[in-house]
Amino acid sequence: MHDIVKNLLSIKNEIQSNSSKAEIVAVSKTFPINKILPLINCGHIHYGENKIQEAVNKWTEIKRDFINIKLHFVGKLQTNKVKFALPLFDYIHSLDSIKLADKIANEQAKKKFKPKIFIQVNIGKEDQKNGIDIENLETFYSNCTKNFDLNIIGLMCLPPNDKNPEIYFSKMKSLSDKINLNELSMGMTNDYIKAIQCKSSFLRIGSKIFGPRV
């Protein structure tokens, strides 16, 4: 068995032992497709990328050959790249502005394809991070669903690096419950156990599966 498959199975066992059914998004950015194929061949379907051109080059043919694969955009999505993101990406984890919502709405109407979308929340109120402020979240969500017809399935966050993530994950769960969303995208290699304990449903895990990035 290939090492990255063993790594994935080890994480799955941890998730199950915490009574969670969270999906693992294997963040495959920077890794060539030959490094990812062992996971694809063992049946794993969720993968994350953060650069549009890299994803187009890597995944266009693979997704034709493996029709069950679900591709997740996990980086900052520039409005001028939305036309390339749809329909390649099944999920977008980083909706962070009305301008981007409008662009996605226009593109999904053209392509007749509605991606599943997470609203990125600036849960730590950090100036250097993107995301919707907590106090604007309900209005933003309503706008996205009613005026732009977006398929908002949940919330996503990147907690502050220097603080206990559990505090922020717990806040995210409360926000999610308040607006009746079912999915939470939170938890990465260093904090995914705390994330699933706060009911995260999608974990964005890269280096613990694939090893260090070069």
C-alpha atoms as a PDB file:
ATOM      1  CA  MET A   1       0.000   0.000   0.000  1.00  0.00           C
ATOM      2  CA  HIS A   2       1.282   3.443  -0.940  1.00  0.00           C
ATOM      3  CA  ASP A   3       2.331   5.766   1.904  1.00  0.00           C
ATOM      4  CA  ILE A   4      -0.193   8.482   1.066  1.00  0.00           C
ATOM      5  CA  VAL A   5      -2.993   5.908   1.085  1.00  0.00           C
ATOM      6  CA  LYS A   6      -1.828   4.755   4.528  1.00  0.00           C
ATOM      7  CA  ASN A   7      -1.806   8.380   5.679  1.00  0.00           C
ATOM      8  CA  LEU A   8      -5.353   8.894   4.451  1.00  0.00           C
ATOM      9  CA  LEU A   9      -6.613   5.708   6.108  1.00  0.00           C
ATOM     10  CA  SER A  10      -4.959   6.724   9.393  1.00  0.00           C
ATOM     11  CA  ILE A  11      -6.791  10.076   9.337  1.00  0.00           C
ATOM     12  CA  LYS A  12     -10.066   8.339   8.458  1.00  0.00           C
ATOM     13  CA  ASN A  13      -9.648   6.056  11.475  1.00  0.00           C
ATOM     14  CA  GLU A  14      -9.111   9.073  13.733  1.00  0.00           C
ATOM     15  CA  ILE A  15     -12.238  10.716  12.354  1.00  0.00           C
ATOM     16  CA  GLN A  16     -14.318   7.586  12.879  1.00  0.00           C
ATOM     17  CA  SER A  17     -12.992   7.146  16.417  1.00  0.00           C
ATOM     18  CA  ASN A  18     -14.326  10.643  17.139  1.00  0.00           C
ATOM     19  CA  SER A  19     -17.769   9.561  15.875  1.00  0.00           C
ATOM     20  CA  SER A  20     -17.560  11.909  12.914  1.00  0.00           C
ATOM     21  CA  LYS A  21     -18.494  11.401   9.259  1.00  0.00           C
ATOM     22  CA  ALA A  22     -16.478  14.397   8.036  1.00  0.00           C
ATOM     23  CA  GLU A  23     -15.227  14.263   4.458  1.00  0.00           C
ATOM     24  CA  ILE A  24     -11.497  14.636   3.858  1.00  0.00           C
ATOM     25  CA  VAL A  25     -10.613  17.114   1.130  1.00  0.00           C
ATOM     26  CA  ALA A  26      -7.099  16.018   0.152  1.00  0.00           C
ATOM     27  CA  VAL A  27      -5.430  19.358  -0.606  1.00  0.00           C
ATOM     28  CA  SER A  28      -3.327  18.385  -3.590  1.00  0.00           C
ATOM     29  CA  LYS A  29      -2.083  21.865  -4.597  1.00  0.00           C
ATOM     30  CA  THR A  30       1.517  21.892  -5.935  1.00  0.00           C
ATOM     31  CA  PHE A  31       1.597  18.081  -6.218  1.00  0.00           C
ATOM     32  CA  PRO A  32       1.669  16.586  -9.737  1.00  0.00           C
ATOM     33  CA  ILE A  33      -1.075  14.190 -10.719  1.00  0.00           C
ATOM     34  CA  ASN A  34       1.225  11.144 -10.553  1.00  0.00           C
ATOM     35  CA  LYS A  35       1.635  11.805  -6.806  1.00  0.00           C
ATOM     36  CA  ILE A  36      -2.148  11.978  -6.408  1.00  0.00           C
ATOM     37  CA  LEU A  37      -3.063   8.904  -8.477  1.00  0.00           C
ATOM     38  CA  PRO A  38      -2.633   6.377  -5.632  1.00  0.00           C
ATOM     39  CA  LEU A  39      -5.465   8.131  -3.774  1.00  0.00           C
ATOM     40  CA  ILE A  40      -7.599   8.356  -6.904  1.00  0.00           C
ATOM     41  CA  ASN A  41      -7.037   4.667  -7.627  1.00  0.00           C
ATOM     42  CA  CYS A  42      -8.024   3.681  -4.085  1.00  0.00           C
ATOM     43  CA  GLY A  43     -11.348   5.484  -4.543  1.00  0.00           C
ATOM     44  CA  HIS A  44     -10.873   8.788  -2.717  1.00  0.00           C
ATOM     45  CA  ILE A  45     -13.001  11.450  -4.419  1.00  0.00           C
ATOM     46  CA  HIS A  46     -12.508  14.857  -2.710  1.00  0.00           C
ATOM     47  CA  TYR A  47      -9.492  17.010  -3.715  1.00  0.00           C
ATOM     48  CA  GLY A  48      -8.585  20.629  -3.075  1.00  0.00           C
ATOM     49  CA  GLU A  49      -6.705  23.130  -5.238  1.00  0.00           C
ATOM     50  CA  ASN A  50      -6.025  26.850  -4.816  1.00  0.00           C
ATOM     51  CA  LYS A  51      -4.780  27.931  -8.250  1.00  0.00           C
ATOM     52  CA  ILE A  52      -7.096  27.867 -11.248  1.00  0.00           C
ATOM     53  CA  GLN A  53      -4.542  27.290 -14.016  1.00  0.00           C
ATOM     54  CA  GLU A  54      -2.795  24.506 -12.114  1.00  0.00           C
ATOM     55  CA  ALA A  55      -6.148  22.818 -11.533  1.00  0.00           C
ATOM     56  CA  VAL A  56      -7.197  23.131 -15.178  1.00  0.00           C
ATOM     57  CA  ASN A  57      -3.933  21.521 -16.291  1.00  0.00           C
ATOM     58  CA  LYS A  58      -4.020  18.742 -13.701  1.00  0.00           C
ATOM     59  CA  TRP A  59      -7.670  17.807 -13.421  1.00  0.00           C
ATOM     60  CA  THR A  60      -9.522  18.403 -16.704  1.00  0.00           C
ATOM     61  CA  GLU A  61      -8.711  14.994 -18.202  1.00  0.00           C
ATOM     62  CA  ILE A  62      -8.677  13.160 -14.879  1.00  0.00           C
ATOM     63  CA  LYS A  63     -12.215  14.327 -14.122  1.00  0.00           C
ATOM     64  CA  ARG A  64     -13.358  12.980 -17.487  1.00  0.00           C
ATOM     65  CA  ASP A  65     -11.832   9.595 -16.681  1.00  0.00           C
ATOM     66  CA  PHE A  66     -12.962   9.496 -13.025  1.00  0.00           C
ATOM     67  CA  ILE A  67     -16.432  10.994 -13.090  1.00  0.00           C
ATOM     68  CA  ASN A  68     -17.010  10.642  -9.320  1.00  0.00           C
ATOM     69  CA  ILE A  69     -14.164  13.007  -8.387  1.00  0.00           C
ATOM     70  CA  LYS A  70     -15.225  16.208  -6.642  1.00  0.00           C
ATOM     71  CA  LEU A  71     -12.864  19.162  -6.938  1.00  0.00           C
ATOM     72  CA  HIS A  72     -12.828  21.868  -4.254  1.00  0.00           C
ATOM     73  CA  PHE A  73     -11.469  25.390  -4.716  1.00  0.00           C
ATOM     74  CA  VAL A  74      -9.870  26.269  -1.376  1.00  0.00           C
ATOM     75  CA  GLY A  75      -7.964  29.488  -2.145  1.00  0.00           C
ATOM     76  CA  LYS A  76      -8.790  33.120  -2.814  1.00  0.00           C
ATOM     77  CA  LEU A  77     -10.934  33.138  -5.965  1.00  0.00           C
ATOM     78  CA  GLN A  78     -10.314  36.159  -8.182  1.00  0.00           C
ATOM     79  CA  THR A  79     -13.401  37.374 -10.046  1.00  0.00           C
ATOM     80  CA  ASN A  80     -11.574  37.232 -13.403  1.00  0.00           C
ATOM     81  CA  LYS A  81     -10.903  33.507 -12.879  1.00  0.00           C
ATOM     82  CA  VAL A  82     -14.486  32.446 -12.164  1.00  0.00           C
ATOM     83  CA  LYS A  83     -15.124  31.624 -15.830  1.00  0.00           C
ATOM     84  CA  PHE A  84     -12.344  29.005 -15.650  1.00  0.00           C
ATOM     85  CA  ALA A  85     -13.450  27.660 -12.258  1.00  0.00           C
ATOM     86  CA  LEU A  86     -16.890  26.578 -13.474  1.00  0.00           C
ATOM     87  CA  PRO A  87     -17.697  23.768 -14.112  1.00  0.00           C
ATOM     88  CA  LEU A  88     -14.303  22.266 -13.188  1.00  0.00           C
ATOM     89  CA  PHE A  89     -14.827  22.904  -9.465  1.00  0.00           C
ATOM     90  CA  ASP A  90     -17.752  21.218  -7.766  1.00  0.00           C
ATOM     91  CA  TYR A  91     -17.239  23.161  -4.522  1.00  0.00           C
ATOM     92  CA  ILE A  92     -16.011  26.695  -3.784  1.00  0.00           C
ATOM     93  CA  HIS A  93     -14.890  27.232  -0.182  1.00  0.00           C
ATOM     94  CA  SER A  94     -14.069  30.930  -0.302  1.00  0.00           C
ATOM     95  CA  LEU A  95     -17.007  33.157  -1.220  1.00  0.00           C
ATOM     96  CA  ASP A  96     -16.026  36.423   0.457  1.00  0.00           C
ATOM     97  CA  SER A  97     -17.720  39.346  -1.353  1.00  0.00           C
ATOM     98  CA  ILE A  98     -20.839  40.467  -3.192  1.00  0.00           C
ATOM     99  CA  LYS A  99     -18.701  41.142  -6.263  1.00  0.00           C
ATOM    100  CA  LEU A 100     -17.614  37.486  -6.330  1.00  0.00           C
ATOM    101  CA  ALA A 101     -21.186  36.300  -5.677  1.00  0.00           C
ATOM    102  CA  ASP A 102     -22.387  38.306  -8.677  1.00  0.00           C
ATOM    103  CA  LYS A 103     -19.655  36.867 -10.903  1.00  0.00           C
ATOM    104  CA  ILE A 104     -20.411  33.278  -9.870  1.00  0.00           C
ATOM    105  CA  ALA A 105     -24.145  33.877 -10.417  1.00  0.00           C
ATOM    106  CA  ASN A 106     -23.534  35.127 -13.959  1.00  0.00           C
ATOM    107  CA  GLU A 107     -21.206  32.268 -14.790  1.00  0.00           C
ATOM    108  CA  GLN A 108     -23.419  29.520 -13.377  1.00  0.00           C
ATOM    109  CA  ALA A 109     -26.325  30.847 -15.467  1.00  0.00           C
ATOM    110  CA  LYS A 110     -24.164  30.720 -18.609  1.00  0.00           C
ATOM    111  CA  LYS A 111     -22.775  27.261 -17.896  1.00  0.00           C
ATOM    112  CA  LYS A 112     -25.973  25.773 -16.406  1.00  0.00           C
ATOM    113  CA  PHE A 113     -23.880  24.523 -13.508  1.00  0.00           C
ATOM    114  CA  LYS A 114     -24.298  25.433  -9.837  1.00  0.00           C
ATOM    115  CA  PRO A 115     -21.300  24.725  -7.611  1.00  0.00           C
ATOM    116  CA  LYS A 116     -21.760  24.043  -3.909  1.00  0.00           C
ATOM    117  CA  ILE A 117     -20.499  27.086  -2.060  1.00  0.00           C
ATOM    118  CA  PHE A 118     -19.178  27.914   1.404  1.00  0.00           C
ATOM    119  CA  ILE A 119     -19.206  31.494   2.665  1.00  0.00           C
ATOM    120  CA  GLN A 120     -15.812  32.389   4.107  1.00  0.00           C
ATOM    121  CA  VAL A 121     -16.231  34.022   7.524  1.00  0.00           C
ATOM    122  CA  ASN A 122     -13.533  36.250   9.005  1.00  0.00           C
ATOM    123  CA  ILE A 123     -14.085  34.546  12.342  1.00  0.00           C
ATOM    124  CA  GLY A 124     -11.044  36.102  14.043  1.00  0.00           C
ATOM    125  CA  LYS A 125     -11.734  39.615  12.719  1.00  0.00           C
ATOM    126  CA  GLU A 126      -8.233  39.726  11.249  1.00  0.00           C
ATOM    127  CA  ASP A 127      -7.359  42.567   8.873  1.00  0.00           C
ATOM    128  CA  GLN A 128      -5.041  40.379   6.797  1.00  0.00           C
ATOM    129  CA  LYS A 129      -7.679  37.716   6.105  1.00  0.00           C
ATOM    130  CA  ASN A 130     -10.574  37.686   3.687  1.00  0.00           C
ATOM    131  CA  GLY A 131     -14.096  36.796   4.677  1.00  0.00           C
ATOM    132  CA  ILE A 132     -17.448  38.166   5.691  1.00  0.00           C
ATOM    133  CA  ASP A 133     -17.653  39.848   9.102  1.00  0.00           C
ATOM    134  CA  ILE A 134     -19.837  38.016  11.614  1.00  0.00           C
ATOM    135  CA  GLU A 135     -22.265  40.929  11.978  1.00  0.00           C
ATOM    136  CA  ASN A 136     -22.873  40.998   8.197  1.00  0.00           C
ATOM    137  CA  LEU A 137     -23.188  37.256   7.704  1.00  0.00           C
ATOM    138  CA  GLU A 138     -26.968  36.812   7.818  1.00  0.00           C
ATOM    139  CA  THR A 139     -27.567  39.674   5.373  1.00  0.00           C
ATOM    140  CA  PHE A 140     -24.848  38.391   3.053  1.00  0.00           C
ATOM    141  CA  TYR A 141     -26.241  34.843   3.130  1.00  0.00           C
ATOM    142  CA  SER A 142     -29.756  36.094   2.370  1.00  0.00           C
ATOM    143  CA  ASN A 143     -28.455  38.194  -0.519  1.00  0.00           C
ATOM    144  CA  CYS A 144     -26.530  35.253  -1.994  1.00  0.00           C
ATOM    145  CA  THR A 145     -29.461  32.870  -1.898  1.00  0.00           C
ATOM    146  CA  LYS A 146     -32.350  35.194  -2.783  1.00  0.00           C
ATOM    147  CA  ASN A 147     -30.780  37.682  -5.196  1.00  0.00           C
ATOM    148  CA  PHE A 148     -28.000  35.597  -6.746  1.00  0.00           C
ATOM    149  CA  ASP A 149     -29.533  32.097  -6.546  1.00  0.00           C
ATOM    150  CA  LEU A 150     -26.298  30.608  -5.207  1.00  0.00           C
ATOM    151  CA  ASN A 151     -26.213  27.115  -3.706  1.00  0.00           C
ATOM    152  CA  ILE A 152     -24.804  28.045  -0.299  1.00  0.00           C
ATOM    153  CA  ILE A 153     -24.275  24.829   1.654  1.00  0.00           C
ATOM    154  CA  GLY A 154     -22.177  26.040   4.577  1.00  0.00           C
ATOM    155  CA  LEU A 155     -19.536  28.253   6.161  1.00  0.00           C
ATOM    156  CA  MET A 156     -15.737  28.146   6.026  1.00  0.00           C
ATOM    157  CA  CYS A 157     -13.093  29.716   8.256  1.00  0.00           C
ATOM    158  CA  LEU A 158      -9.361  30.055   8.820  1.00  0.00           C
ATOM    159  CA  PRO A 159      -8.922  30.632  12.566  1.00  0.00           C
ATOM    160  CA  PRO A 160      -6.095  32.859  13.882  1.00  0.00           C
ATOM    161  CA  ASN A 161      -2.755  31.036  13.812  1.00  0.00           C
ATOM    162  CA  ASP A 162      -1.707  32.021  17.318  1.00  0.00           C
ATOM    163  CA  LYS A 163      -4.874  31.202  19.259  1.00  0.00           C
ATOM    164  CA  ASN A 164      -6.833  28.123  20.290  1.00  0.00           C
ATOM    165  CA  PRO A 165      -8.812  27.172  17.147  1.00  0.00           C
ATOM    166  CA  GLU A 166     -11.475  25.421  19.197  1.00  0.00           C
ATOM    167  CA  ILE A 167     -12.890  28.787  20.328  1.00  0.00           C
ATOM    168  CA  TYR A 168     -13.377  29.848  16.717  1.00  0.00           C
ATOM    169  CA  PHE A 169     -14.643  26.475  15.509  1.00  0.00           C
ATOM    170  CA  SER A 170     -17.278  26.570  18.241  1.00  0.00           C
ATOM    171  CA  LYS A 171     -18.327  30.075  17.151  1.00  0.00           C
ATOM    172  CA  MET A 172     -18.621  28.850  13.574  1.00  0.00           C
ATOM    173  CA  LYS A 173     -20.922  26.011  14.641  1.00  0.00           C
ATOM    174  CA  SER A 174     -23.182  28.527  16.412  1.00  0.00           C
ATOM    175  CA  LEU A 175     -23.279  30.781  13.342  1.00  0.00           C
ATOM    176  CA  SER A 176     -24.056  27.828  11.110  1.00  0.00           C
ATOM    177  CA  ASP A 177     -26.917  26.719  13.343  1.00  0.00           C
ATOM    178  CA  LYS A 178     -28.310  30.249  13.442  1.00  0.00           C
ATOM    179  CA  ILE A 179     -28.819  30.382   9.679  1.00  0.00           C
ATOM    180  CA  ASN A 180     -29.674  26.691   9.329  1.00  0.00           C
ATOM    181  CA  LEU A 181     -26.721  25.572   7.242  1.00  0.00           C
ATOM    182  CA  ASN A 182     -25.685  21.928   7.342  1.00  0.00           C
ATOM    183  CA  GLU A 183     -22.025  22.005   6.352  1.00  0.00           C
ATOM    184  CA  LEU A 184     -18.864  23.432   7.910  1.00  0.00           C
ATOM    185  CA  SER A 185     -15.496  23.601   6.157  1.00  0.00           C
ATOM    186  CA  MET A 186     -12.939  23.943   8.922  1.00  0.00           C
ATOM    187  CA  GLY A 187      -9.923  22.070  10.159  1.00  0.00           C
ATOM    188  CA  MET A 188      -6.564  21.467   8.504  1.00  0.00           C
ATOM    189  CA  THR A 189      -3.549  19.274   9.192  1.00  0.00           C
ATOM    190  CA  ASN A 190      -2.762  20.839  12.573  1.00  0.00           C
ATOM    191  CA  ASP A 191      -6.253  21.213  14.008  1.00  0.00           C
ATOM    192  CA  TYR A 192      -8.684  18.832  12.314  1.00  0.00           C
ATOM    193  CA  ILE A 193      -9.419  16.820  15.478  1.00  0.00           C
ATOM    194  CA  LYS A 194     -10.623  19.969  17.240  1.00  0.00           C
ATOM    195  CA  ALA A 195     -12.614  20.843  14.124  1.00  0.00           C
ATOM    196  CA  ILE A 196     -14.515  17.552  14.023  1.00  0.00           C
ATOM    197  CA  GLN A 197     -15.241  17.856  17.733  1.00  0.00           C
ATOM    198  CA  CYS A 198     -17.036  21.099  16.777  1.00  0.00           C
ATOM    199  CA  LYS A 199     -18.950  19.261  14.024  1.00  0.00           C
ATOM    200  CA  SER A 200     -16.912  20.189  10.959  1.00  0.00           C
ATOM    201  CA  SER A 201     -18.092  18.238   7.926  1.00  0.00           C
ATOM    202  CA  PHE A 202     -15.240  18.999   5.480  1.00  0.00           C
ATOM    203  CA  LEU A 203     -11.571  18.886   6.522  1.00  0.00           C
ATOM    204  CA  ARG A 204      -8.960  20.472   4.241  1.00  0.00           C
ATOM    205  CA  ILE A 205      -5.893  18.302   4.823  1.00  0.00           C
ATOM    206  CA  GLY A 206      -2.729  18.458   2.723  1.00  0.00           C
ATOM    207  CA  SER A 207       0.681  17.813   4.239  1.00  0.00           C
ATOM    208  CA  LYS A 208      -0.479  15.064   6.613  1.00  0.00           C
ATOM    209  CA  ILE A 209      -1.534  13.096   3.533  1.00  0.00           C
ATOM    210  CA  PHE A 210       0.987  14.083   0.868  1.00  0.00           C
ATOM    211  CA  GLY A 211       3.965  15.120   2.999  1.00  0.00           C
ATOM    212  CA  PRO A 212       5.783  18.467   2.903  1.00  0.00           C
ATOM    213  CA  ARG A 213       5.354  20.685  -0.149  1.00  0.00           C
ATOM    214  CA  VAL A 214       8.479  21.495  -2.134  1.00  0.00           C
END
